[in-house]
Amino acid sequence: MKYSQRAQAISPFLAMAFSEKAAIIEAQGNHVVKLNIGEPDFGAPPDVLKAMQQLAVNAPLPYTSALGLPELRAAIAGFYKTKHQIDIDPRRVVVTAGASAALMLLSAALVDQGDKVIMADPCYPCNKQFITSFGGKVQLVPTQAESRFQLDSSLLQQHWQSGTRGLMLATPSNPTGTAVATEQLAKMCEFAKDKGAWRIIDEIYLNLHHGPADSELTSVLSIDDQAFVINSFSKYFGMTGWRLGWCIVPEDAVDVMERLSQNYYICPSTLAQKAALQCFTADSLAVCEARRLSLVTRKNLVIAGLHKCGLSVPVVPDGAFYVYIDVTATGLTAMEFCEQVLQQVHVSLTPSNDFSEQTDKQFVRLSFASSESELAEGLLRLERFMGSLNS
């Protein structure tokens, strides 16, 4: 069987590959501390779970509109109003089968063969795959700890090319957990807009910002109403396996998104959509906020534990639930480090090969989405591993 060049060129997602390796070790009777996957241990809020159970038994679940349930689109628009003081017409909200489907739809809608799209290196690997799958060319711009591993206006202008048609940013970012300052975000969006380029801003971790109280993030829509914004129920609401996300698009893109979603997957899950309406109750939002605050405790635990191990974290994250660890001093590559830690002390991490071309041998991503007890155990094992290296 001959498979497409697209299928042959796509790289494996190493975070998932290490999960498979961890599963093999667990099948042998060992406990693996899984710090490789960006999956919060919280689960969906209680109101959402209760609604899902009732709906699965008692409610008809026909197809919805390809754009999503009108009441869910309205609820998401209302969330932007209460959370970020931004007025959005619910018509501009497109509910998708996970944020990945939003990325797929936007790539199909915006990218033509040969279009160049600028992204930071490091970045989430699937973003690159969507762009190239639709014929685009990814321009990766190397970033450093000094810019918190994010693009800024100076880097953007320096690397802009005549064929650049789009800018894709994630704030806060996976894998580094760092956010773009609002002033820099505004400058970059304005520059791209002046060049006639579109802007896709991944805000999946926006509501999991945990920086200083006076630096609370707001959506890019407050400064660039024509940006394309991606978000998800997976992280803030803890609904990873529900595969439900959304994007906010300019008015003139709504019909395009509807046609694409009709043909690509018909509609998002009706059950997930109906249950997700309960995400926006006062009780659910209070639960989610308490969970967000708990990430600060987890982050502090991890940063202190890594310091004790002798592992370097050049930039402390201010969002999401990731720490980007420099393992250069160990004398191991990122892949070697992750392989040895998994085999010797049964801790699963993700090498930066997934996220970066410039730091693929230097950094490792740790997810602190696991419970405090699991994090503490993982850190003890890492300390033991580092001790064996030093001896």
Protein backbone atom coordinates (compact mmCIF):
# COMPACT_ATOMS: atom_id res chain seq x y z
CA MET A 1 0.00 0.00 0.00
CA LYS A 2 1.34 3.42 -0.96
CA TYR A 3 0.44 6.17 1.51
CA SER A 4 0.38 9.88 0.82
CA GLN A 5 3.51 11.99 1.19
CA ARG A 6 1.54 13.97 3.80
CA ALA A 7 1.02 10.85 5.92
CA GLN A 8 4.62 9.74 5.55
CA ALA A 9 6.02 13.16 6.46
CA ILE A 10 4.04 13.64 9.68
CA SER A 11 6.03 13.09 12.87
CA PRO A 12 4.82 11.06 15.86
CA PHE A 13 3.63 13.02 18.89
CA LEU A 14 6.24 12.00 21.48
CA ALA A 15 4.12 12.94 24.50
CA MET A 16 1.72 10.20 23.44
CA ALA A 17 4.56 7.84 22.49
CA PHE A 18 5.96 8.08 26.02
CA SER A 19 2.48 7.32 27.37
CA GLU A 20 2.55 4.08 25.41
CA LYS A 21 5.98 3.21 26.80
CA ALA A 22 4.74 4.02 30.31
CA ALA A 23 1.76 1.71 29.80
CA ILE A 24 4.09 -1.18 28.99
CA ILE A 25 6.06 -0.59 32.19
CA GLU A 26 2.83 -0.38 34.22
CA ALA A 27 1.61 -3.65 32.67
CA GLN A 28 4.67 -5.23 34.28
CA GLY A 29 3.39 -4.18 37.71
CA ASN A 30 5.24 -0.88 38.16
CA HIS A 31 3.81 2.50 39.12
CA VAL A 32 4.75 5.18 36.59
CA VAL A 33 4.43 8.84 37.58
CA LYS A 34 2.99 10.39 34.42
CA LEU A 35 4.18 13.96 34.00
CA ASN A 36 4.24 13.90 30.20
CA ILE A 37 0.62 14.63 29.25
CA GLY A 38 -1.14 17.99 29.51
CA GLU A 39 -4.26 16.50 31.02
CA PRO A 40 -5.60 18.00 34.26
CA ASP A 41 -6.50 15.43 36.89
CA PHE A 42 -9.57 17.47 37.87
CA GLY A 43 -12.09 16.07 35.40
CA ALA A 44 -15.25 17.93 34.44
CA PRO A 45 -17.05 20.04 37.09
CA PRO A 46 -19.72 18.13 39.06
CA ASP A 47 -22.62 19.99 37.41
CA VAL A 48 -21.35 18.90 33.98
CA LEU A 49 -20.99 15.26 35.01
CA LYS A 50 -24.49 15.22 36.49
CA ALA A 51 -25.94 16.72 33.32
CA MET A 52 -24.12 14.21 31.13
CA GLN A 53 -25.47 11.28 33.12
CA GLN A 54 -29.04 12.55 32.86
CA LEU A 55 -28.76 13.39 29.16
CA ALA A 56 -27.26 10.03 28.21
CA VAL A 57 -30.32 8.23 29.61
CA ASN A 58 -33.21 10.59 29.00
CA ALA A 59 -32.48 12.98 26.11
CA PRO A 60 -32.61 12.55 22.34
CA LEU A 61 -29.22 13.34 20.87
CA PRO A 62 -29.66 14.25 17.19
CA TYR A 63 -27.16 16.17 15.07
CA THR A 64 -26.85 19.83 15.95
CA SER A 65 -25.96 22.70 13.66
CA ALA A 66 -22.44 22.34 12.30
CA LEU A 67 -21.61 25.53 14.19
CA GLY A 68 -22.89 24.13 17.48
CA LEU A 69 -25.95 24.52 19.68
CA PRO A 70 -27.19 28.14 19.63
CA GLU A 71 -27.54 28.14 23.42
CA LEU A 72 -23.95 26.93 23.87
CA ARG A 73 -22.63 29.55 21.45
CA ALA A 74 -24.52 32.18 23.45
CA ALA A 75 -23.13 30.81 26.73
CA ILE A 76 -19.55 31.00 25.41
CA ALA A 77 -20.13 34.59 24.26
CA GLY A 78 -21.49 35.37 27.72
CA PHE A 79 -18.35 33.87 29.29
CA TYR A 80 -16.21 36.39 27.39
CA LYS A 81 -18.44 39.16 28.70
CA THR A 82 -18.27 38.14 32.36
CA LYS A 83 -14.66 36.89 32.37
CA HIS A 84 -12.96 39.37 30.05
CA GLN A 85 -15.49 42.22 29.60
CA ILE A 86 -15.63 41.62 25.83
CA ASP A 87 -18.88 41.77 23.86
CA ILE A 88 -19.04 39.07 21.18
CA ASP A 89 -21.96 38.29 18.88
CA PRO A 90 -22.79 34.59 19.54
CA ARG A 91 -23.00 34.14 15.75
CA ARG A 92 -19.20 34.49 15.66
CA VAL A 93 -18.74 31.55 18.04
CA VAL A 94 -18.05 28.23 16.29
CA VAL A 95 -18.25 25.15 18.52
CA THR A 96 -15.86 22.44 17.34
CA ALA A 97 -14.95 18.82 18.01
CA GLY A 98 -12.07 19.83 20.26
CA ALA A 99 -9.63 22.69 19.71
CA SER A 100 -7.85 20.46 17.18
CA ALA A 101 -10.91 20.64 14.95
CA ALA A 102 -10.85 24.42 15.27
CA LEU A 103 -7.23 24.43 14.11
CA MET A 104 -8.13 22.16 11.23
CA LEU A 105 -11.04 24.36 10.12
CA LEU A 106 -9.01 27.56 10.34
CA SER A 107 -6.09 26.01 8.46
CA ALA A 108 -8.49 24.88 5.72
CA ALA A 109 -10.13 28.31 5.63
CA LEU A 110 -6.99 30.45 5.58
CA VAL A 111 -4.01 28.55 4.17
CA ASP A 112 -3.29 28.20 0.45
CA GLN A 113 -0.49 26.21 -1.17
CA GLY A 114 2.85 27.83 -0.42
CA ASP A 115 1.60 30.34 2.14
CA LYS A 116 4.12 31.04 4.89
CA VAL A 117 2.94 31.10 8.49
CA ILE A 118 5.13 32.45 11.27
CA MET A 119 5.32 30.66 14.65
CA ALA A 120 7.61 30.66 17.66
CA ASP A 121 10.06 27.86 18.26
CA PRO A 122 9.25 26.11 20.62
CA CYS A 123 5.54 25.59 19.97
CA TYR A 124 2.79 22.97 20.08
CA PRO A 125 3.69 20.42 17.36
CA CYS A 126 0.20 19.81 15.99
CA ASN A 127 -0.11 23.46 14.97
CA LYS A 128 2.74 22.94 12.52
CA GLN A 129 1.20 19.73 11.18
CA PHE A 130 -2.14 21.37 10.41
CA ILE A 131 -0.50 24.20 8.46
CA THR A 132 1.69 21.89 6.39
CA SER A 133 -1.19 19.45 5.77
CA PHE A 134 -3.02 22.24 3.95
CA GLY A 135 0.00 23.20 1.87
CA GLY A 136 1.43 25.96 4.03
CA LYS A 137 5.07 26.50 4.95
CA VAL A 138 5.87 27.05 8.61
CA GLN A 139 8.40 29.78 9.45
CA LEU A 140 9.77 28.84 12.86
CA VAL A 141 11.39 31.77 14.66
CA PRO A 142 13.89 30.72 17.35
CA THR A 143 13.10 32.29 20.72
CA GLN A 144 15.16 32.49 23.88
CA ALA A 145 14.61 32.57 27.62
CA GLU A 146 15.13 36.35 27.48
CA SER A 147 11.83 36.70 25.58
CA ARG A 148 10.23 33.96 27.71
CA PHE A 149 10.32 31.66 24.68
CA GLN A 150 7.72 33.83 22.95
CA LEU A 151 7.72 35.99 19.83
CA ASP A 152 7.84 39.74 20.30
CA SER A 153 7.34 42.59 17.85
CA SER A 154 11.06 42.93 17.16
CA LEU A 155 11.48 39.24 16.28
CA LEU A 156 8.33 39.31 14.18
CA GLN A 157 9.48 42.24 12.08
CA GLN A 158 12.96 40.78 11.73
CA HIS A 159 11.69 37.44 10.37
CA TRP A 160 8.71 38.62 8.29
CA GLN A 161 9.02 37.65 4.61
CA SER A 162 7.24 38.68 1.43
CA GLY A 163 5.34 35.40 1.31
CA THR A 164 4.22 35.46 4.95
CA ARG A 165 0.44 35.28 5.05
CA GLY A 166 -0.30 34.49 8.67
CA LEU A 167 0.81 34.68 12.29
CA MET A 168 0.05 31.94 14.82
CA LEU A 169 0.67 32.54 18.53
CA ALA A 170 -0.18 30.64 21.70
CA THR A 171 -0.51 32.56 24.95
CA PRO A 172 0.03 31.01 27.43
CA SER A 173 2.12 28.52 25.50
CA ASN A 174 2.54 24.80 25.40
CA PRO A 175 5.31 23.68 26.16
CA THR A 176 6.72 26.60 28.17
CA GLY A 177 3.67 27.87 30.09
CA THR A 178 4.66 31.46 29.26
CA ALA A 179 2.31 34.24 28.14
CA VAL A 180 2.78 37.15 25.74
CA ALA A 181 2.50 40.56 27.38
CA THR A 182 -0.60 42.44 26.20
CA GLU A 183 1.48 45.34 24.83
CA GLN A 184 3.60 42.99 22.71
CA LEU A 185 0.55 41.06 21.54
CA ALA A 186 -1.08 44.29 20.37
CA LYS A 187 2.05 45.36 18.49
CA MET A 188 2.38 42.01 16.73
CA CYS A 189 -1.27 41.83 15.73
CA GLU A 190 -1.16 45.39 14.41
CA PHE A 191 1.99 44.68 12.40
CA ALA A 192 0.51 41.51 10.86
CA LYS A 193 -2.78 43.28 10.15
CA ASP A 194 -0.92 46.09 8.35
CA LYS A 195 0.76 43.44 6.21
CA GLY A 196 -2.65 42.01 5.25
CA ALA A 197 -1.97 38.80 7.18
CA TRP A 198 -4.39 36.85 9.34
CA ARG A 199 -3.79 36.18 13.05
CA ILE A 200 -4.63 32.90 14.81
CA ILE A 201 -4.24 33.17 18.58
CA ASP A 202 -4.36 29.95 20.58
CA GLU A 203 -5.93 30.86 23.94
CA ILE A 204 -6.53 27.32 25.18
CA TYR A 205 -4.67 28.13 28.43
CA LEU A 206 -5.83 31.74 28.71
CA ASN A 207 -8.06 31.08 31.71
CA LEU A 208 -5.31 29.08 33.43
CA HIS A 209 -3.09 32.12 33.80
CA HIS A 210 -1.49 32.22 37.26
CA GLY A 211 0.98 35.08 37.04
CA PRO A 212 0.95 38.13 39.32
CA ALA A 213 -2.51 39.46 40.21
CA ASP A 214 -1.82 42.74 38.40
CA SER A 215 -0.96 40.95 35.14
CA GLU A 216 -4.19 39.05 34.52
CA LEU A 217 -4.50 38.12 30.87
CA THR A 218 -7.39 39.05 28.65
CA SER A 219 -8.34 37.72 25.25
CA VAL A 220 -6.66 39.14 22.17
CA LEU A 221 -10.17 40.11 21.04
CA SER A 222 -9.94 43.10 23.35
CA ILE A 223 -7.18 44.51 21.14
CA ASP A 224 -7.78 42.81 17.76
CA ASP A 225 -11.43 42.08 17.10
CA GLN A 226 -10.64 40.47 13.73
CA ALA A 227 -8.22 37.87 15.07
CA PHE A 228 -9.16 34.19 14.92
CA VAL A 229 -9.21 32.82 18.47
CA ILE A 230 -9.05 29.17 19.51
CA ASN A 231 -10.13 27.82 22.89
CA SER A 232 -11.24 24.57 24.45
CA PHE A 233 -13.23 22.90 27.20
CA SER A 234 -10.27 20.55 27.81
CA LYS A 235 -8.00 22.55 30.11
CA TYR A 236 -9.81 25.16 32.23
CA PHE A 237 -12.94 23.00 32.42
CA GLY A 238 -11.01 19.71 32.70
CA MET A 239 -12.88 18.00 29.84
CA THR A 240 -10.05 16.52 27.75
CA GLY A 241 -11.74 13.35 26.52
CA TRP A 242 -15.01 15.12 25.74
CA ARG A 243 -13.41 16.56 22.57
CA LEU A 244 -15.15 19.91 22.62
CA GLY A 245 -13.67 23.28 21.74
CA TRP A 246 -14.54 26.53 20.05
CA CYS A 247 -13.18 29.37 17.99
CA ILE A 248 -14.20 32.99 17.60
CA VAL A 249 -14.03 34.22 14.02
CA PRO A 250 -14.75 37.48 12.19
CA GLU A 251 -18.32 37.86 10.93
CA ASP A 252 -17.42 37.22 7.30
CA ALA A 253 -15.78 33.88 8.19
CA VAL A 254 -18.85 32.29 9.81
CA ASP A 255 -20.36 30.89 6.62
CA VAL A 256 -16.98 29.53 5.51
CA MET A 257 -16.53 27.74 8.84
CA GLU A 258 -20.03 26.31 8.60
CA ARG A 259 -19.42 24.80 5.17
CA LEU A 260 -16.12 23.31 6.22
CA SER A 261 -17.43 21.79 9.45
CA GLN A 262 -20.50 20.38 7.67
CA ASN A 263 -18.20 18.47 5.35
CA TYR A 264 -15.37 17.55 7.72
CA TYR A 265 -17.30 16.20 10.72
CA ILE A 266 -21.01 17.27 10.45
CA CYS A 267 -21.18 18.64 14.01
CA PRO A 268 -19.56 18.36 17.45
CA SER A 269 -20.87 15.76 19.90
CA THR A 270 -24.44 16.62 20.88
CA LEU A 271 -24.06 14.99 24.30
CA ALA A 272 -20.86 16.91 25.07
CA GLN A 273 -22.41 20.19 23.93
CA LYS A 274 -25.56 19.83 26.01
CA ALA A 275 -23.62 18.86 29.13
CA ALA A 276 -21.12 21.69 28.56
CA LEU A 277 -23.87 24.24 29.11
CA GLN A 278 -23.38 23.49 32.81
CA CYS A 279 -19.79 24.76 32.63
CA PHE A 280 -21.11 28.27 32.93
CA THR A 281 -23.10 27.94 36.14
CA ALA A 282 -21.85 29.91 39.14
CA ASP A 283 -20.96 26.68 40.93
CA SER A 284 -18.97 25.29 37.99
CA LEU A 285 -17.05 28.50 37.48
CA ALA A 286 -16.20 28.63 41.20
CA VAL A 287 -14.89 25.07 41.00
CA CYS A 288 -12.75 25.91 37.97
CA GLU A 289 -11.31 29.00 39.64
CA ALA A 290 -10.37 27.03 42.74
CA ARG A 291 -8.64 24.47 40.55
CA ARG A 292 -6.78 27.22 38.69
CA LEU A 293 -5.46 28.57 41.98
CA SER A 294 -4.33 25.10 43.02
CA LEU A 295 -1.97 25.12 40.03
CA VAL A 296 0.06 27.84 41.74
CA THR A 297 0.73 25.48 44.66
CA ARG A 298 1.66 22.70 42.26
CA LYS A 299 3.96 24.97 40.27
CA ASN A 300 5.78 26.13 43.40
CA LEU A 301 6.17 22.53 44.53
CA VAL A 302 7.67 21.56 41.16
CA ILE A 303 10.01 24.54 40.85
CA ALA A 304 11.38 23.94 44.36
CA GLY A 305 11.74 20.21 43.72
CA LEU A 306 13.56 20.67 40.42
CA HIS A 307 15.92 23.17 42.04
CA LYS A 308 16.67 20.62 44.75
CA CYS A 309 17.41 18.05 42.03
CA GLY A 310 19.84 20.41 40.35
CA LEU A 311 17.71 20.82 37.23
CA SER A 312 17.46 24.26 35.65
CA VAL A 313 14.22 26.06 34.76
CA PRO A 314 15.31 29.17 32.81
CA VAL A 315 11.80 30.68 32.75
CA VAL A 316 9.19 30.19 35.47
CA PRO A 317 5.79 29.68 33.79
CA ASP A 318 2.91 32.09 34.37
CA GLY A 319 0.16 30.01 32.78
CA ALA A 320 -0.97 26.51 31.81
CA PHE A 321 0.66 23.64 33.75
CA TYR A 322 4.05 23.10 32.13
CA VAL A 323 7.68 23.61 33.13
CA TYR A 324 10.41 23.69 30.47
CA ILE A 325 13.53 22.12 31.98
CA ASP A 326 17.06 22.56 30.65
CA VAL A 327 18.86 19.20 30.97
CA THR A 328 22.12 20.28 29.28
CA ALA A 329 24.11 19.99 32.51
CA THR A 330 23.29 16.27 32.78
CA GLY A 331 25.33 15.49 29.67
CA LEU A 332 22.28 13.74 28.20
CA THR A 333 20.14 14.78 25.27
CA ALA A 334 16.48 15.45 25.98
CA MET A 335 15.51 12.11 24.46
CA GLU A 336 18.17 10.22 26.41
CA PHE A 337 17.12 11.94 29.62
CA CYS A 338 13.44 11.03 29.14
CA GLU A 339 14.24 7.45 28.16
CA GLN A 340 16.52 6.87 31.14
CA VAL A 341 14.21 8.55 33.66
CA LEU A 342 11.32 6.41 32.45
CA GLN A 343 13.26 3.15 32.51
CA GLN A 344 15.22 3.72 35.72
CA VAL A 345 12.85 5.58 38.05
CA HIS A 346 9.54 5.26 36.18
CA VAL A 347 8.77 8.94 35.61
CA SER A 348 7.31 9.86 32.23
CA LEU A 349 8.31 13.23 30.73
CA THR A 350 8.32 14.66 27.20
CA PRO A 351 11.50 15.58 25.27
CA SER A 352 11.60 18.91 23.48
CA ASN A 353 11.91 17.08 20.14
CA ASP A 354 8.12 17.38 20.05
CA PHE A 355 8.14 21.16 20.31
CA SER A 356 11.35 22.61 18.95
CA GLU A 357 13.97 22.39 16.24
CA GLN A 358 16.46 24.64 18.04
CA THR A 359 16.20 23.11 21.55
CA ASP A 360 15.28 19.54 20.59
CA LYS A 361 18.29 18.11 22.43
CA GLN A 362 18.30 20.52 25.37
CA PHE A 363 14.88 20.77 27.05
CA VAL A 364 12.30 18.49 28.64
CA ARG A 365 8.68 19.37 29.36
CA LEU A 366 7.13 18.43 32.70
CA SER A 367 3.37 18.72 33.16
CA PHE A 368 2.22 19.57 36.68
CA ALA A 369 -1.40 18.75 35.86
CA SER A 370 -1.12 15.68 38.12
CA SER A 371 -2.04 15.61 41.83
CA GLU A 372 0.31 17.03 44.45
CA SER A 373 1.03 13.55 45.79
CA GLU A 374 2.04 12.31 42.32
CA LEU A 375 4.17 15.39 41.75
CA ALA A 376 5.93 14.90 45.09
CA GLU A 377 6.62 11.26 44.27
CA GLY A 378 7.86 12.15 40.79
CA LEU A 379 10.22 14.77 42.19
CA LEU A 380 11.66 12.30 44.72
CA ARG A 381 12.33 9.87 41.89
CA LEU A 382 13.96 12.58 39.77
CA GLU A 383 16.17 13.51 42.72
CA ARG A 384 17.20 9.87 43.01
CA PHE A 385 17.94 9.71 39.29
CA MET A 386 20.02 12.90 39.38
CA GLY A 387 21.91 11.52 42.36
CA SER A 388 22.81 8.39 40.39
CA LEU A 389 24.06 10.56 37.51
CA ASN A 390 26.22 12.68 39.80
CA SER A 391 27.73 9.63 41.45
